[in-house]
Amino acid sequence: MGKTAFVFGGGGMLGASEVGMLRAVMEAGHRPDLVLGTSVGAINGAVLAADPTLDCVGELTATWESLGGRELFSGPLQRLRVAASTGTHLHSIEPLRALIERRLGPVDIEDLAVPFQCCAASIERAAETWFTQGPLATAVSASCAVPGMFGPVQINGEHYLDGGLVNSLPVGRAVALGATEIFVLHVGRIEQPLRVPSRPWEVATVAFEIARRHRFAADMAAVPEGVTVRVLPAGSVQAPSANLRYRNTQKVRARIDEAYQASRAYLESLPAGEQA
């Protein structure tokens, strides 16, 4: 019998959309046998894997509404101090690691209710790395270590950066692990056309978006027969290619609600035999 996988992609504060998608999928009666997460999607995936019930949606909503606060991101003066002392990043990753541990406890990945894996990019090996065991909060922090925002996370003498650098929407990983039904929960960018950058800061973000979409398109093209992939819609809330206002939580509820309504309508439109 095949496995059902929930795949959570990266995208900073835009990842709130994935919470709405998750609610719609869970209400439709789907449950994961495997959860994969990259970058901020690793946070969403870890919470689900710890509690694979509808209750996790409320936990995630509360988590998202707190993500932009001073609990995680320091003010201007502290950012300047961190940048001056490190020369590489603006914030310490420690508050995020502590938040994950506070929400889920000091658990190991292998102790979660549902098998969970998250992805990070190894600096030393320039390689995609999947964490399948060990301290959950540390692995998820490594997956979320956005270059320039956070410093690399050191694990067993190796340094890791954000998993979105190497595999932002890991459909291929789910297929390789035996999933035959895959739900893709994402931030909405893949639904929107890219535009030629017109501002200096857009150049890197558009280039990164091309790379992440190319990997996703290749994974989708290689999906074998017998495997169903459902890419859930995010709704009409726009997901900009540049997410510079990473502390802004004002649209969290709107993103969650938009994605929920769009994903619920999509799932209800499926043939009766495919809805659950």
Foldseek 3Di string as FASTA:
>chain_A
DFFEEEWEFDDFLLSLLLLLLLLLLVVLPDWGQEYEYFAVRLLVRQLCQQPVHNVSSVVVLVVSLPVLDCLFAPDDVQQVVVCVVPVKARGELVSQLVVSCVSRNQDKQVPTNHFYWYWWAWPVVRDIDIDRIDGSSLRNSLQNAATRHYAFRDDPNITTHHRLQPARGPLLVCVVVGHQEYETRYSAPVVDDDDDDDDPVVPVLSVSVVVNVVVVVVSVVPRDPSHHYHYQHQADDDRDSDDPSSSDSPCSVVSSNRSNVRRNVVLVPDPPVRND
